[in-house]
PDB file of all heavy atoms in Angstrom:
ATOM      1  N   LEU A   1     -32.826 -31.503 -81.834  1.00  0.00           N
ATOM      2  CA  LEU A   1     -31.579 -31.081 -81.179  1.00  0.00           C
ATOM      3  C   LEU A   1     -30.476 -30.837 -82.204  1.00  0.00           C
ATOM      4  O   LEU A   1     -29.686 -29.889 -82.072  1.00  0.00           O
ATOM      5  CB  LEU A   1     -31.134 -32.127 -80.156  1.00  0.00           C
ATOM      6  CG  LEU A   1     -31.975 -32.212 -78.871  1.00  0.00           C
ATOM      7  CD1 LEU A   1     -31.603 -33.447 -78.067  1.00  0.00           C
ATOM      8  CD2 LEU A   1     -31.792 -30.963 -78.020  1.00  0.00           C
ATOM      9  N   ASN A   2     -30.416 -31.677 -83.235  1.00  0.00           N
ATOM     10  CA  ASN A   2     -29.420 -31.490 -84.303  1.00  0.00           C
ATOM     11  C   ASN A   2     -29.679 -30.205 -85.079  1.00  0.00           C
ATOM     12  O   ASN A   2     -28.741 -29.487 -85.452  1.00  0.00           O
ATOM     13  CB  ASN A   2     -29.449 -32.689 -85.257  1.00  0.00           C
ATOM     14  CG  ASN A   2     -28.843 -33.937 -84.642  1.00  0.00           C
ATOM     15  OD1 ASN A   2     -27.965 -33.844 -83.779  1.00  0.00           O
ATOM     16  ND2 ASN A   2     -29.295 -35.096 -85.069  1.00  0.00           N
ATOM     17  N   ILE A   3     -30.963 -29.889 -85.316  1.00  0.00           N
ATOM     18  CA  ILE A   3     -31.319 -28.658 -86.036  1.00  0.00           C
ATOM     19  C   ILE A   3     -30.943 -27.431 -85.200  1.00  0.00           C
ATOM     20  O   ILE A   3     -30.406 -26.448 -85.720  1.00  0.00           O
ATOM     21  CB  ILE A   3     -32.826 -28.631 -86.369  1.00  0.00           C
ATOM     22  CG1 ILE A   3     -33.172 -29.775 -87.325  1.00  0.00           C
ATOM     23  CG2 ILE A   3     -33.223 -27.301 -86.988  1.00  0.00           C
ATOM     24  CD1 ILE A   3     -34.652 -30.080 -87.417  1.00  0.00           C
ATOM     25  N   ILE A   4     -31.224 -27.488 -83.889  1.00  0.00           N
ATOM     26  CA  ILE A   4     -30.858 -26.385 -82.991  1.00  0.00           C
ATOM     27  C   ILE A   4     -29.344 -26.184 -82.978  1.00  0.00           C
ATOM     28  O   ILE A   4     -28.849 -25.044 -82.954  1.00  0.00           O
ATOM     29  CB  ILE A   4     -31.397 -26.653 -81.569  1.00  0.00           C
ATOM     30  CG1 ILE A   4     -32.927 -26.522 -81.555  1.00  0.00           C
ATOM     31  CG2 ILE A   4     -30.794 -25.685 -80.552  1.00  0.00           C
ATOM     32  CD1 ILE A   4     -33.590 -27.003 -80.290  1.00  0.00           C
ATOM     33  N   LYS A   5     -28.609 -27.298 -83.037  1.00  0.00           N
ATOM     34  CA  LYS A   5     -27.146 -27.223 -83.091  1.00  0.00           C
ATOM     35  C   LYS A   5     -26.692 -26.504 -84.363  1.00  0.00           C
ATOM     36  O   LYS A   5     -25.751 -25.705 -84.342  1.00  0.00           O
ATOM     37  CB  LYS A   5     -26.560 -28.636 -83.039  1.00  0.00           C
ATOM     38  CG  LYS A   5     -25.071 -28.689 -82.800  1.00  0.00           C
ATOM     39  CD  LYS A   5     -24.592 -30.119 -82.662  1.00  0.00           C
ATOM     40  CE  LYS A   5     -23.083 -30.161 -82.447  1.00  0.00           C
ATOM     41  NZ  LYS A   5     -22.593 -31.563 -82.325  1.00  0.00           N
ATOM     42  N   GLU A   6     -27.371 -26.777 -85.483  1.00  0.00           N
ATOM     43  CA  GLU A   6     -27.066 -26.103 -86.753  1.00  0.00           C
ATOM     44  C   GLU A   6     -27.338 -24.606 -86.644  1.00  0.00           C
ATOM     45  O   GLU A   6     -26.573 -23.777 -87.140  1.00  0.00           O
ATOM     46  CB  GLU A   6     -27.912 -26.697 -87.882  1.00  0.00           C
ATOM     47  CG  GLU A   6     -27.482 -28.087 -88.332  1.00  0.00           C
ATOM     48  CD  GLU A   6     -28.371 -28.625 -89.445  1.00  0.00           C
ATOM     49  OE1 GLU A   6     -29.029 -27.816 -90.126  1.00  0.00           O
ATOM     50  OE2 GLU A   6     -28.421 -29.857 -89.616  1.00  0.00           O
ATOM     51  N   ILE A   7     -28.456 -24.248 -86.011  1.00  0.00           N
ATOM     52  CA  ILE A   7     -28.811 -22.830 -85.825  1.00  0.00           C
ATOM     53  C   ILE A   7     -27.771 -22.134 -84.956  1.00  0.00           C
ATOM     54  O   ILE A   7     -27.344 -21.012 -85.251  1.00  0.00           O
ATOM     55  CB  ILE A   7     -30.222 -22.701 -85.209  1.00  0.00           C
ATOM     56  CG1 ILE A   7     -31.291 -23.134 -86.228  1.00  0.00           C
ATOM     57  CG2 ILE A   7     -30.498 -21.265 -84.751  1.00  0.00           C
ATOM     58  CD1 ILE A   7     -32.698 -23.215 -85.675  1.00  0.00           C
ATOM     59  N   ASP A   8     -27.347 -22.802 -83.889  1.00  0.00           N
ATOM     60  CA  ASP A   8     -26.362 -22.218 -82.972  1.00  0.00           C
ATOM     61  C   ASP A   8     -25.009 -21.993 -83.646  1.00  0.00           C
ATOM     62  O   ASP A   8     -24.212 -21.178 -83.180  1.00  0.00           O
ATOM     63  CB  ASP A   8     -26.186 -23.118 -81.744  1.00  0.00           C
ATOM     64  CG  ASP A   8     -27.406 -23.086 -80.826  1.00  0.00           C
ATOM     65  OD1 ASP A   8     -28.227 -22.157 -80.981  1.00  0.00           O
ATOM     66  OD2 ASP A   8     -27.553 -23.987 -79.978  1.00  0.00           O
ATOM     67  N   ALA A   9     -24.756 -22.723 -84.738  1.00  0.00           N
ATOM     68  CA  ALA A   9     -23.479 -22.555 -85.469  1.00  0.00           C
ATOM     69  C   ALA A   9     -23.389 -21.180 -86.127  1.00  0.00           C
ATOM     70  O   ALA A   9     -22.298 -20.713 -86.454  1.00  0.00           O
ATOM     71  CB  ALA A   9     -23.344 -23.650 -86.517  1.00  0.00           C
ATOM     72  N   TYR A  10     -24.547 -20.495 -86.287  1.00  0.00           N
ATOM     73  CA  TYR A  10     -24.555 -19.158 -86.884  1.00  0.00           C
ATOM     74  C   TYR A  10     -24.255 -18.055 -85.863  1.00  0.00           C
ATOM     75  O   TYR A  10     -24.231 -16.883 -86.206  1.00  0.00           O
ATOM     76  CB  TYR A  10     -25.903 -18.888 -87.549  1.00  0.00           C
ATOM     77  CG  TYR A  10     -26.091 -19.641 -88.843  1.00  0.00           C
ATOM     78  CD1 TYR A  10     -26.672 -20.901 -88.854  1.00  0.00           C
ATOM     79  CD2 TYR A  10     -25.650 -19.115 -90.052  1.00  0.00           C
ATOM     80  CE1 TYR A  10     -26.835 -21.611 -90.042  1.00  0.00           C
ATOM     81  CE2 TYR A  10     -25.814 -19.815 -91.243  1.00  0.00           C
ATOM     82  CZ  TYR A  10     -26.398 -21.062 -91.223  1.00  0.00           C
ATOM     83  OH  TYR A  10     -26.552 -21.764 -92.401  1.00  0.00           O
ATOM     84  N   GLY A  11     -24.041 -18.456 -84.634  1.00  0.00           N
ATOM     85  CA  GLY A  11     -23.714 -17.483 -83.587  1.00  0.00           C
ATOM     86  C   GLY A  11     -24.739 -17.475 -82.481  1.00  0.00           C
ATOM     87  O   GLY A  11     -25.778 -18.135 -82.562  1.00  0.00           O
ATOM     88  N   LYS A  12     -24.437 -16.718 -81.456  1.00  0.00           N
ATOM     89  CA  LYS A  12     -25.321 -16.637 -80.286  1.00  0.00           C
ATOM     90  C   LYS A  12     -26.677 -16.049 -80.665  1.00  0.00           C
ATOM     91  O   LYS A  12     -26.768 -15.093 -81.421  1.00  0.00           O
ATOM     92  CB  LYS A  12     -24.652 -15.760 -79.215  1.00  0.00           C
ATOM     93  CG  LYS A  12     -25.378 -15.769 -77.882  1.00  0.00           C
ATOM     94  CD  LYS A  12     -24.642 -14.900 -76.867  1.00  0.00           C
ATOM     95  CE  LYS A  12     -25.406 -14.855 -75.560  1.00  0.00           C
ATOM     96  NZ  LYS A  12     -24.744 -13.963 -74.580  1.00  0.00           N
ATOM     97  N   THR A  13     -27.731 -16.664 -80.136  1.00  0.00           N
ATOM     98  CA  THR A  13     -29.091 -16.162 -80.395  1.00  0.00           C
ATOM     99  C   THR A  13     -29.251 -14.759 -79.816  1.00  0.00           C
ATOM    100  O   THR A  13     -28.807 -14.492 -78.703  1.00  0.00           O
ATOM    101  CB  THR A  13     -30.146 -17.098 -79.756  1.00  0.00           C
ATOM    102  OG1 THR A  13     -29.876 -18.437 -80.137  1.00  0.00           O
ATOM    103  CG2 THR A  13     -31.536 -16.722 -80.203  1.00  0.00           C
ATOM    104  N   VAL A  14     -29.877 -13.878 -80.586  1.00  0.00           N
ATOM    105  CA  VAL A  14     -30.013 -12.483 -80.147  1.00  0.00           C
ATOM    106  C   VAL A  14     -30.935 -12.382 -78.931  1.00  0.00           C
ATOM    107  O   VAL A  14     -31.845 -13.183 -78.751  1.00  0.00           O
ATOM    108  CB  VAL A  14     -30.547 -11.590 -81.294  1.00  0.00           C
ATOM    109  CG1 VAL A  14     -29.522 -11.449 -82.397  1.00  0.00           C
ATOM    110  CG2 VAL A  14     -31.858 -12.107 -81.855  1.00  0.00           C
ATOM    111  N   ASP A  15     -30.673 -11.372 -78.117  1.00  0.00           N
ATOM    112  CA  ASP A  15     -31.471 -11.105 -76.916  1.00  0.00           C
ATOM    113  C   ASP A  15     -32.481 -10.006 -77.245  1.00  0.00           C
ATOM    114  O   ASP A  15     -32.100  -8.887 -77.606  1.00  0.00           O
ATOM    115  CB  ASP A  15     -30.537 -10.671 -75.781  1.00  0.00           C
ATOM    116  CG  ASP A  15     -31.296 -10.328 -74.503  1.00  0.00           C
ATOM    117  OD1 ASP A  15     -32.489 -10.690 -74.408  1.00  0.00           O
ATOM    118  OD2 ASP A  15     -30.704  -9.699 -73.607  1.00  0.00           O
ATOM    119  N   LEU A  16     -33.773 -10.323 -77.129  1.00  0.00           N
ATOM    120  CA  LEU A  16     -34.832  -9.358 -77.463  1.00  0.00           C
ATOM    121  C   LEU A  16     -35.501  -8.783 -76.223  1.00  0.00           C
ATOM    122  O   LEU A  16     -36.605  -8.246 -76.305  1.00  0.00           O
ATOM    123  CB  LEU A  16     -35.889 -10.029 -78.353  1.00  0.00           C
ATOM    124  CG  LEU A  16     -35.411 -10.643 -79.672  1.00  0.00           C
ATOM    125  CD1 LEU A  16     -36.594 -11.161 -80.469  1.00  0.00           C
ATOM    126  CD2 LEU A  16     -34.612  -9.632 -80.492  1.00  0.00           C
ATOM    127  N   SER A  17     -34.836  -8.870 -75.092  1.00  0.00           N
ATOM    128  CA  SER A  17     -35.435  -8.386 -73.837  1.00  0.00           C
ATOM    129  C   SER A  17     -35.661  -6.868 -73.851  1.00  0.00           C
ATOM    130  O   SER A  17     -36.433  -6.351 -73.040  1.00  0.00           O
ATOM    131  CB  SER A  17     -34.555  -8.770 -72.646  1.00  0.00           C
ATOM    132  OG  SER A  17     -33.252  -8.240 -72.790  1.00  0.00           O
ATOM    133  N   PHE A  18     -35.016  -6.147 -74.765  1.00  0.00           N
ATOM    134  CA  PHE A  18     -35.201  -4.689 -74.845  1.00  0.00           C
ATOM    135  C   PHE A  18     -36.488  -4.328 -75.610  1.00  0.00           C
ATOM    136  O   PHE A  18     -36.888  -3.166 -75.647  1.00  0.00           O
ATOM    137  CB  PHE A  18     -33.987  -4.023 -75.515  1.00  0.00           C
ATOM    138  CG  PHE A  18     -33.830  -4.327 -76.976  1.00  0.00           C
ATOM    139  CD1 PHE A  18     -34.305  -3.452 -77.930  1.00  0.00           C
ATOM    140  CD2 PHE A  18     -33.222  -5.509 -77.401  1.00  0.00           C
ATOM    141  CE1 PHE A  18     -34.169  -3.720 -79.286  1.00  0.00           C
ATOM    142  CE2 PHE A  18     -33.079  -5.792 -78.738  1.00  0.00           C
ATOM    143  CZ  PHE A  18     -33.544  -4.897 -79.682  1.00  0.00           C
ATOM    144  N   LEU A  19     -37.126  -5.335 -76.216  1.00  0.00           N
ATOM    145  CA  LEU A  19     -38.360  -5.098 -76.973  1.00  0.00           C
ATOM    146  C   LEU A  19     -39.584  -5.484 -76.154  1.00  0.00           C
ATOM    147  O   LEU A  19     -39.525  -6.390 -75.322  1.00  0.00           O
ATOM    148  CB  LEU A  19     -38.354  -5.919 -78.270  1.00  0.00           C
ATOM    149  CG  LEU A  19     -37.365  -5.504 -79.365  1.00  0.00           C
ATOM    150  CD1 LEU A  19     -37.439  -6.485 -80.518  1.00  0.00           C
ATOM    151  CD2 LEU A  19     -37.643  -4.091 -79.858  1.00  0.00           C
ATOM    152  N   SER A  20     -40.704  -4.816 -76.425  1.00  0.00           N
ATOM    153  CA  SER A  20     -41.964  -5.167 -75.764  1.00  0.00           C
ATOM    154  C   SER A  20     -42.518  -6.442 -76.399  1.00  0.00           C
ATOM    155  O   SER A  20     -42.146  -6.806 -77.520  1.00  0.00           O
ATOM    156  CB  SER A  20     -42.981  -4.033 -75.921  1.00  0.00           C
ATOM    157  OG  SER A  20     -43.372  -3.910 -77.276  1.00  0.00           O
ATOM    158  N   GLU A  21     -43.441  -7.111 -75.691  1.00  0.00           N
ATOM    159  CA  GLU A  21     -44.068  -8.332 -76.211  1.00  0.00           C
ATOM    160  C   GLU A  21     -44.814  -8.046 -77.521  1.00  0.00           C
ATOM    161  O   GLU A  21     -44.802  -8.853 -78.444  1.00  0.00           O
ATOM    162  CB  GLU A  21     -45.045  -8.911 -75.176  1.00  0.00           C
ATOM    163  CG  GLU A  21     -44.370  -9.571 -73.979  1.00  0.00           C
ATOM    164  CD  GLU A  21     -43.570 -10.797 -74.364  1.00  0.00           C
ATOM    165  OE1 GLU A  21     -44.030 -11.550 -75.249  1.00  0.00           O
ATOM    166  OE2 GLU A  21     -42.479 -11.000 -73.805  1.00  0.00           O
ATOM    167  N   ASP A  22     -45.452  -6.886 -77.579  1.00  0.00           N
ATOM    168  CA  ASP A  22     -46.203  -6.507 -78.775  1.00  0.00           C
ATOM    169  C   ASP A  22     -45.277  -6.349 -79.977  1.00  0.00           C
ATOM    170  O   ASP A  22     -45.607  -6.757 -81.094  1.00  0.00           O
ATOM    171  CB  ASP A  22     -46.966  -5.198 -78.519  1.00  0.00           C
ATOM    172  CG  ASP A  22     -48.030  -4.936 -79.580  1.00  0.00           C
ATOM    173  OD1 ASP A  22     -48.646  -5.907 -80.039  1.00  0.00           O
ATOM    174  OD2 ASP A  22     -48.236  -3.772 -79.947  1.00  0.00           O
ATOM    175  N   LYS A  23     -44.101  -5.761 -79.734  1.00  0.00           N
ATOM    176  CA  LYS A  23     -43.137  -5.561 -80.816  1.00  0.00           C
ATOM    177  C   LYS A  23     -42.542  -6.893 -81.269  1.00  0.00           C
ATOM    178  O   LYS A  23     -42.312  -7.108 -82.470  1.00  0.00           O
ATOM    179  CB  LYS A  23     -42.022  -4.618 -80.331  1.00  0.00           C
ATOM    180  CG  LYS A  23     -41.370  -3.830 -81.456  1.00  0.00           C
ATOM    181  CD  LYS A  23     -42.313  -2.797 -82.033  1.00  0.00           C
ATOM    182  CE  LYS A  23     -41.672  -2.023 -83.170  1.00  0.00           C
ATOM    183  NZ  LYS A  23     -42.618  -1.094 -83.818  1.00  0.00           N
ATOM    184  N   ILE A  24     -42.302  -7.798 -80.334  1.00  0.00           N
ATOM    185  CA  ILE A  24     -41.785  -9.136 -80.677  1.00  0.00           C
ATOM    186  C   ILE A  24     -42.805  -9.883 -81.526  1.00  0.00           C
ATOM    187  O   ILE A  24     -42.459 -10.533 -82.514  1.00  0.00           O
ATOM    188  CB  ILE A  24     -41.422  -9.926 -79.400  1.00  0.00           C
ATOM    189  CG1 ILE A  24     -40.197  -9.282 -78.714  1.00  0.00           C
ATOM    190  CG2 ILE A  24     -41.127 -11.393 -79.733  1.00  0.00           C
ATOM    191  CD1 ILE A  24     -39.879  -9.852 -77.350  1.00  0.00           C
TER     192      ILE A  24
END
């Protein structure tokens, strides 16, 4: 949870819903 908090400090996680599963 502390590591995730550190990651979130870099900004909102990007949304990849515009990409196909294969591309992800």
